[in-house]
Amino acid sequence: MRVVCAPNAYKGSLDARAAAAALARGVRAAGADAVEVPVADGGDGTLDVLLGAAGAAARVEVLRVTGPLGEPVDARLGWLDPGTAVVELAEASGLRLVAGRRDALRATSRGTGELIAAALDRGAARILVGIGGSACTDGGAGIAAALGVRLLDAGGAELPLGGGALRSLDRIDLRHRHRGLDGARLEVAVDVASPLLGAAGAAAVFGPQKGAGAEGIAVLEEGLRRLTEVAERDAGVPAELATRPGAGSAGGCGYGLAALCGAALLPGAALVCDVVGLDAALEGAGLAITGEGRLDASTAAGKAPAEVAERARRAGVPCVAVAGELAGDVPPLFARAVELGPGLPIARRIAGAAALLEEAARGLLATQ
């Protein structure tokens, strides 16, 4: 029997490629054939998953760009082939870069825009942008500014970096927008379905994890709303774009990329599964194994294991999920859902995840 091992990352423990390798060791130990197809949903780790799928054609550049709080950082720009670039927002504008220094009002997405600009300058015809794991709530204003869009206050000055400055936005000037945007296709892998504004939006839901208190959330919400008003007036952006699922992803970067850079917002898990060739791998398989650190009721809302399960269902392949933790009511997406090391403390599951995944896969095959 051939088994497709298609996990997401187990956060804080294993990236998707290491998780797939551990599952595959267990499958082979049980006497079955294993195919490793690690997946992602647009968040941290998406770049590595896509580079791994590209094989020998992949290459990486390391560029010095603007970090979340304005300091220079080194970030990777990936290439799947000479015309297809991959940008991971977390590389340049990620929350992991500001540990202990979170500043939701000042954090910017500008470095991500600088990576996109570099890809365009090098002739990219297609740019895949994963936007999970952000430190910023600037509505993609920093990305747009790095790509030549001028966001101006009432005196005609460029706005300072960060979402806190958006309340002062008076007009948007697109005349100097990077010309490469007109000929390239930007595909944005969004990992949440949040709209831009309101109680379910970027500031209210994700502002606190980026360091914003109640007052800061109100400031960010006001700034994002002002961005939509000016974008509608000066750039002809439809008001409904702010309500589209994914517009609130990465502190509103989904909105800014679509509104000011012409990007297409796509479900991240589906985009990644297409690129890594999951459907082809599932053809003729006898079993699929997926999973991530935690499975719960939210798993069905666009997370990678749910996408794997749906594609396996369409292919007529049973799909089992292996989770670091099963919490609450796991949706009935899977033929079976099992927990790593049930009864073990979470810290021990994290530390021993590779061995536990191998053991789980071996045990699953024994019961098939």
Protein backbone atom coordinates (compact mmCIF):
# COMPACT_ATOMS: atom_id res chain seq x y z
CA MET A 1 0.00 0.00 0.00
CA ARG A 2 1.13 3.54 -0.77
CA VAL A 3 0.58 6.13 1.96
CA VAL A 4 0.68 9.90 1.39
CA CYS A 5 2.21 11.74 4.37
CA ALA A 6 0.94 15.31 4.10
CA PRO A 7 1.16 17.13 7.44
CA ASN A 8 1.32 20.81 8.24
CA ALA A 9 3.93 22.09 10.69
CA TYR A 10 3.64 21.19 14.35
CA LYS A 11 4.26 24.65 15.77
CA GLY A 12 7.01 24.92 18.32
CA SER A 13 8.24 21.46 17.43
CA LEU A 14 8.61 20.31 13.80
CA ASP A 15 8.28 22.03 10.47
CA ALA A 16 6.10 20.34 7.87
CA ARG A 17 8.99 18.65 6.09
CA ALA A 18 10.38 17.14 9.29
CA ALA A 19 6.88 16.00 10.27
CA ALA A 20 6.32 14.34 6.90
CA ALA A 21 9.69 12.59 7.17
CA ALA A 22 8.81 11.26 10.65
CA LEU A 23 5.45 9.92 9.47
CA ALA A 24 7.12 8.33 6.45
CA ARG A 25 9.64 6.51 8.67
CA GLY A 26 6.76 4.98 10.59
CA VAL A 27 4.94 4.00 7.41
CA ARG A 28 8.02 2.29 5.99
CA ALA A 29 8.72 0.53 9.27
CA ALA A 30 5.23 -0.96 8.96
CA GLY A 31 6.09 -2.31 5.51
CA ALA A 32 4.21 0.20 3.33
CA ASP A 33 5.41 2.70 0.74
CA ALA A 34 5.44 6.36 1.80
CA VAL A 35 5.21 9.54 -0.26
CA GLU A 36 6.16 12.74 1.56
CA VAL A 37 4.07 15.79 0.59
CA PRO A 38 4.40 18.40 3.37
CA VAL A 39 1.78 21.15 3.19
CA ALA A 40 1.12 24.63 4.56
CA ASP A 41 -1.64 27.22 4.56
CA GLY A 42 0.14 30.51 3.94
CA GLY A 43 1.60 31.01 7.40
CA ASP A 44 5.09 30.43 8.75
CA GLY A 45 6.82 27.63 6.86
CA THR A 46 5.05 28.11 3.54
CA LEU A 47 8.26 29.20 1.83
CA ASP A 48 10.14 26.07 2.89
CA VAL A 49 7.29 23.77 1.84
CA LEU A 50 7.12 25.31 -1.63
CA LEU A 51 10.89 25.32 -2.06
CA GLY A 52 11.05 21.68 -1.07
CA ALA A 53 8.39 20.77 -3.64
CA ALA A 54 10.32 22.59 -6.39
CA GLY A 55 13.36 20.38 -5.90
CA ALA A 56 16.55 21.16 -7.79
CA ALA A 57 14.99 24.11 -9.60
CA ALA A 58 14.52 26.03 -6.34
CA ARG A 59 16.89 28.69 -5.17
CA VAL A 60 16.97 31.31 -2.41
CA GLU A 61 18.28 34.84 -2.14
CA VAL A 62 18.84 36.56 1.20
CA LEU A 63 18.06 40.28 1.07
CA ARG A 64 18.44 43.08 3.61
CA VAL A 65 15.00 44.69 4.06
CA THR A 66 13.04 46.77 6.56
CA GLY A 67 12.00 44.81 9.64
CA PRO A 68 8.71 45.11 11.51
CA LEU A 69 9.90 47.98 13.70
CA GLY A 70 11.99 49.71 11.04
CA GLU A 71 15.32 48.04 11.73
CA PRO A 72 17.10 46.12 8.93
CA VAL A 73 16.59 42.36 8.82
CA ASP A 74 17.79 39.62 6.50
CA ALA A 75 14.89 37.86 4.76
CA ARG A 76 14.70 35.12 2.17
CA LEU A 77 13.21 35.49 -1.30
CA GLY A 78 12.50 32.11 -2.84
CA TRP A 79 12.37 31.07 -6.48
CA LEU A 80 10.54 27.95 -7.68
CA ASP A 81 11.72 28.56 -11.25
CA PRO A 82 13.13 31.61 -13.08
CA GLY A 83 9.71 33.25 -13.36
CA THR A 84 8.02 32.24 -10.08
CA ALA A 85 8.99 33.85 -6.80
CA VAL A 86 7.80 33.11 -3.27
CA VAL A 87 7.59 35.74 -0.54
CA GLU A 88 6.78 34.79 3.05
CA LEU A 89 5.64 37.81 5.04
CA ALA A 90 6.88 36.31 8.29
CA GLU A 91 10.44 36.46 6.94
CA ALA A 92 10.44 40.26 6.85
CA SER A 93 7.42 41.41 8.87
CA GLY A 94 6.77 38.51 11.21
CA LEU A 95 5.75 38.46 14.84
CA ARG A 96 8.67 36.12 15.56
CA LEU A 97 11.05 39.01 14.75
CA VAL A 98 9.77 41.23 17.58
CA ALA A 99 9.77 38.85 20.54
CA GLY A 100 9.54 40.99 23.67
CA ARG A 101 9.20 44.18 21.58
CA ARG A 102 5.68 43.98 20.17
CA ASP A 103 4.36 47.35 19.03
CA ALA A 104 1.10 46.97 17.13
CA LEU A 105 0.75 50.68 16.31
CA ARG A 106 4.24 51.06 14.86
CA ALA A 107 4.86 47.68 13.22
CA THR A 108 5.05 47.78 9.43
CA SER A 109 4.77 45.41 6.48
CA ARG A 110 7.23 47.45 4.41
CA GLY A 111 9.92 44.75 4.29
CA THR A 112 7.49 42.36 2.64
CA GLY A 113 6.85 44.97 -0.03
CA GLU A 114 10.59 45.31 -0.55
CA LEU A 115 10.83 41.55 -1.18
CA ILE A 116 8.00 41.77 -3.72
CA ALA A 117 9.70 44.73 -5.40
CA ALA A 118 12.96 42.76 -5.62
CA ALA A 119 11.12 39.85 -7.25
CA LEU A 120 9.55 42.21 -9.79
CA ASP A 121 12.90 43.85 -10.51
CA ARG A 122 14.31 40.39 -11.26
CA GLY A 123 11.56 39.66 -13.77
CA ALA A 124 9.12 37.53 -11.79
CA ALA A 125 5.93 36.88 -13.73
CA ARG A 126 4.21 35.16 -10.80
CA ILE A 127 4.71 35.88 -7.12
CA LEU A 128 3.22 33.68 -4.42
CA VAL A 129 2.86 35.57 -1.14
CA GLY A 130 2.17 33.80 2.14
CA ILE A 131 0.97 36.31 4.69
CA GLY A 132 0.51 34.50 7.99
CA GLY A 133 2.38 35.26 11.20
CA SER A 134 2.54 39.05 10.90
CA ALA A 135 3.60 41.58 13.53
CA CYS A 136 1.77 44.45 11.84
CA THR A 137 -1.77 45.81 11.56
CA ASP A 138 -1.14 48.39 8.86
CA GLY A 139 -3.57 47.20 6.20
CA GLY A 140 -0.67 46.47 3.88
CA ALA A 141 0.21 50.18 3.77
CA GLY A 142 3.89 49.37 4.23
CA ILE A 143 3.84 46.86 1.38
CA ALA A 144 2.15 49.39 -0.88
CA ALA A 145 4.60 52.15 0.06
CA ALA A 146 7.57 49.90 -0.78
CA LEU A 147 5.97 49.35 -4.19
CA GLY A 148 5.74 53.05 -4.97
CA VAL A 149 2.23 53.84 -3.70
CA ARG A 150 2.26 57.15 -1.87
CA LEU A 151 0.08 57.41 1.23
CA LEU A 152 -0.07 61.07 2.16
CA ASP A 153 -1.34 63.19 5.03
CA ALA A 154 -3.19 66.49 4.66
CA GLY A 155 0.09 68.35 4.25
CA GLY A 156 1.26 66.10 1.41
CA ALA A 157 3.85 64.27 3.51
CA GLU A 158 4.35 60.49 3.43
CA LEU A 159 2.74 58.79 6.40
CA PRO A 160 5.06 57.30 9.03
CA LEU A 161 5.28 53.53 9.12
CA GLY A 162 2.73 51.49 11.04
CA GLY A 163 -1.00 51.13 11.39
CA GLY A 164 -1.23 53.86 14.01
CA ALA A 165 -0.50 56.49 11.35
CA LEU A 166 -3.37 55.52 9.06
CA ARG A 167 -5.83 57.78 10.87
CA SER A 168 -3.98 60.68 9.28
CA LEU A 169 -4.30 59.36 5.72
CA ASP A 170 -5.66 62.08 3.44
CA ARG A 171 -5.00 60.77 -0.06
CA ILE A 172 -3.41 57.94 -2.04
CA ASP A 173 -1.24 58.59 -5.10
CA LEU A 174 -0.79 55.60 -7.42
CA ARG A 175 1.14 57.38 -10.16
CA HIS A 176 4.51 55.92 -9.13
CA ARG A 177 3.34 52.40 -8.34
CA HIS A 178 5.88 49.76 -9.44
CA ARG A 179 5.33 49.12 -13.13
CA GLY A 180 6.06 45.45 -12.72
CA LEU A 181 2.74 45.01 -10.93
CA ASP A 182 0.93 45.59 -14.21
CA GLY A 183 2.48 42.53 -15.85
CA ALA A 184 2.96 40.10 -12.98
CA ARG A 185 0.41 37.97 -11.14
CA LEU A 186 0.41 38.22 -7.35
CA GLU A 187 -1.31 35.29 -5.63
CA VAL A 188 -1.77 35.79 -1.91
CA ALA A 189 -2.14 32.71 0.29
CA VAL A 190 -4.37 33.77 3.18
CA ASP A 191 -4.55 31.57 6.26
CA VAL A 192 -7.57 33.14 7.96
CA ALA A 193 -10.99 34.14 6.64
CA SER A 194 -11.32 37.35 8.65
CA PRO A 195 -12.70 40.52 7.07
CA LEU A 196 -10.77 43.75 7.47
CA LEU A 197 -13.01 45.62 9.90
CA GLY A 198 -15.31 45.06 12.85
CA ALA A 199 -15.53 42.60 15.72
CA ALA A 200 -14.19 39.75 13.55
CA GLY A 201 -11.61 41.93 11.80
CA ALA A 202 -7.87 42.44 11.80
CA ALA A 203 -7.55 44.85 14.74
CA ALA A 204 -10.13 43.36 17.09
CA VAL A 205 -9.17 39.70 16.70
CA PHE A 206 -5.44 39.80 16.13
CA GLY A 207 -4.40 43.17 17.59
CA PRO A 208 -4.00 41.84 21.14
CA GLN A 209 -1.48 39.15 20.13
CA LYS A 210 0.54 41.90 18.45
CA GLY A 211 0.67 44.04 21.57
CA ALA A 212 -2.42 46.25 21.25
CA GLY A 213 -4.63 47.02 24.23
CA ALA A 214 -8.20 48.32 24.00
CA GLU A 215 -7.10 51.86 23.12
CA GLY A 216 -4.62 50.63 20.54
CA ILE A 217 -7.23 48.41 18.92
CA ALA A 218 -9.54 51.41 18.55
CA VAL A 219 -6.75 53.43 16.93
CA LEU A 220 -5.93 50.61 14.51
CA GLU A 221 -9.58 50.05 13.63
CA GLU A 222 -10.03 53.75 12.90
CA GLY A 223 -6.94 53.75 10.69
CA LEU A 224 -8.01 50.69 8.72
CA ARG A 225 -11.44 52.20 8.17
CA ARG A 226 -9.84 55.41 6.94
CA LEU A 227 -7.69 53.37 4.54
CA THR A 228 -10.81 51.84 2.97
CA GLU A 229 -12.49 55.22 2.61
CA VAL A 230 -9.53 56.84 0.86
CA ALA A 231 -8.80 53.76 -1.27
CA GLU A 232 -12.39 53.77 -2.49
CA ARG A 233 -12.26 57.48 -3.35
CA ASP A 234 -8.75 57.72 -4.83
CA ALA A 235 -8.14 54.24 -6.27
CA GLY A 236 -11.66 53.09 -7.11
CA VAL A 237 -11.44 50.14 -4.71
CA PRO A 238 -14.89 48.57 -4.17
CA ALA A 239 -16.11 48.98 -0.61
CA GLU A 240 -17.02 45.29 -0.48
CA LEU A 241 -13.35 44.28 -0.70
CA ALA A 242 -12.99 45.05 3.01
CA THR A 243 -15.63 42.42 3.81
CA ARG A 244 -14.07 39.67 1.70
CA PRO A 245 -12.76 36.65 3.64
CA GLY A 246 -9.01 37.06 4.01
CA ALA A 247 -8.99 40.85 3.71
CA GLY A 248 -8.12 41.00 7.41
CA SER A 249 -5.34 38.44 7.13
CA ALA A 250 -1.95 39.59 8.42
CA GLY A 251 -3.28 42.75 9.98
CA GLY A 252 -5.10 43.75 6.81
CA CYS A 253 -2.23 43.00 4.42
CA GLY A 254 -4.68 40.91 2.43
CA TYR A 255 -6.73 44.03 1.83
CA GLY A 256 -3.76 46.24 0.93
CA LEU A 257 -2.30 43.71 -1.50
CA ALA A 258 -5.63 43.30 -3.28
CA ALA A 259 -6.68 46.95 -3.19
CA LEU A 260 -3.43 48.72 -4.02
CA CYS A 261 -1.27 46.04 -5.68
CA GLY A 262 -3.81 44.11 -7.77
CA ALA A 263 -3.26 40.82 -5.98
CA ALA A 264 -5.65 37.85 -5.93
CA LEU A 265 -6.61 36.59 -2.46
CA LEU A 266 -6.69 32.79 -2.39
CA PRO A 267 -7.21 30.21 0.37
CA GLY A 268 -3.66 29.44 1.41
CA ALA A 269 -4.02 25.71 1.96
CA ALA A 270 -5.61 25.20 -1.46
CA LEU A 271 -2.92 27.25 -3.20
CA VAL A 272 -0.10 25.33 -1.51
CA CYS A 273 -1.69 21.93 -2.15
CA ASP A 274 -1.99 22.82 -5.82
CA VAL A 275 1.65 23.88 -6.09
CA VAL A 276 3.07 20.85 -4.26
CA GLY A 277 1.03 18.42 -6.38
CA LEU A 278 -1.05 16.80 -3.66
CA ASP A 279 -3.81 15.65 -6.02
CA ALA A 280 -1.35 13.71 -8.18
CA ALA A 281 0.23 12.12 -5.10
CA LEU A 282 -3.18 10.92 -3.88
CA GLU A 283 -4.00 9.08 -7.09
CA GLY A 284 -3.96 5.37 -6.37
CA ALA A 285 -2.94 5.80 -2.71
CA GLY A 286 -4.42 3.58 -0.02
CA LEU A 287 -4.22 6.09 2.84
CA ALA A 288 -3.40 9.73 3.57
CA ILE A 289 -2.01 10.92 6.90
CA THR A 290 -2.15 14.62 7.77
CA GLY A 291 -2.07 16.67 10.96
CA GLU A 292 -0.66 19.63 12.86
CA GLY A 293 -0.08 20.73 16.41
CA ARG A 294 -3.73 21.19 17.37
CA LEU A 295 -6.98 20.01 15.84
CA ASP A 296 -10.23 21.56 17.02
CA ALA A 297 -13.50 22.99 15.75
CA SER A 298 -11.61 25.68 13.80
CA THR A 299 -9.71 23.11 11.73
CA ALA A 300 -12.38 23.14 9.04
CA ALA A 301 -11.95 26.90 8.52
CA GLY A 302 -9.27 26.71 5.82
CA LYS A 303 -6.51 24.94 7.73
CA ALA A 304 -4.16 22.65 5.82
CA PRO A 305 -5.29 19.31 7.34
CA ALA A 306 -8.87 20.06 6.28
CA GLU A 307 -7.73 20.74 2.71
CA VAL A 308 -5.80 17.46 2.65
CA ALA A 309 -8.86 15.61 3.96
CA GLU A 310 -11.15 17.12 1.32
CA ARG A 311 -8.78 16.29 -1.53
CA ALA A 312 -8.35 12.77 -0.20
CA ARG A 313 -12.13 12.38 -0.05
CA ARG A 314 -12.43 13.44 -3.67
CA ALA A 315 -9.74 10.92 -4.60
CA GLY A 316 -11.48 8.14 -2.67
CA VAL A 317 -8.62 7.84 -0.19
CA PRO A 318 -9.27 7.56 3.57
CA CYS A 319 -7.54 10.30 5.54
CA VAL A 320 -6.32 10.06 9.13
CA ALA A 321 -5.24 13.06 11.20
CA VAL A 322 -2.48 12.91 13.80
CA ALA A 323 -2.52 15.89 16.16
CA GLY A 324 -0.27 17.07 18.91
CA GLU A 325 -3.50 17.86 20.74
CA LEU A 326 -7.17 17.11 20.07
CA ALA A 327 -9.27 19.90 21.57
CA GLY A 328 -13.04 20.05 21.75
CA ASP A 329 -15.13 18.81 18.87
CA VAL A 330 -12.90 17.95 15.93
CA PRO A 331 -15.01 18.22 12.76
CA PRO A 332 -15.82 14.91 11.02
CA LEU A 333 -13.37 15.51 8.19
CA PHE A 334 -11.20 12.52 8.87
CA ALA A 335 -11.69 8.76 8.86
CA ARG A 336 -9.94 8.88 12.21
CA ALA A 337 -8.20 11.48 14.39
CA VAL A 338 -5.56 10.44 16.92
CA GLU A 339 -3.50 12.33 19.46
CA LEU A 340 0.24 12.04 19.91
CA GLY A 341 1.25 10.47 23.21
CA PRO A 342 -2.17 10.67 24.87
CA GLY A 343 -1.68 11.29 28.57
CA LEU A 344 1.78 12.81 28.13
CA PRO A 345 2.31 16.45 29.16
CA ILE A 346 2.26 18.83 26.18
CA ALA A 347 5.91 19.75 26.77
CA ARG A 348 6.95 16.11 26.36
CA ARG A 349 4.86 15.76 23.20
CA ILE A 350 6.57 18.81 21.73
CA ALA A 351 10.06 17.60 22.65
CA GLY A 352 9.45 14.09 21.35
CA ALA A 353 7.21 14.89 18.40
CA ALA A 354 9.33 13.18 15.74
CA ALA A 355 9.47 9.85 17.57
CA LEU A 356 5.79 10.08 18.49
CA LEU A 357 4.76 10.75 14.89
CA GLU A 358 6.81 7.80 13.69
CA GLU A 359 5.20 5.58 16.33
CA ALA A 360 1.70 6.85 15.47
CA ALA A 361 2.15 6.14 11.77
CA ARG A 362 3.46 2.65 12.46
CA GLY A 363 0.48 2.00 14.73
CA LEU A 364 -2.01 3.29 12.17
CA LEU A 365 -0.68 0.95 9.51
CA ALA A 366 -0.91 -2.00 11.90
CA THR A 367 -4.67 -1.44 12.20
CA GLN A 368 -5.34 -1.01 8.47
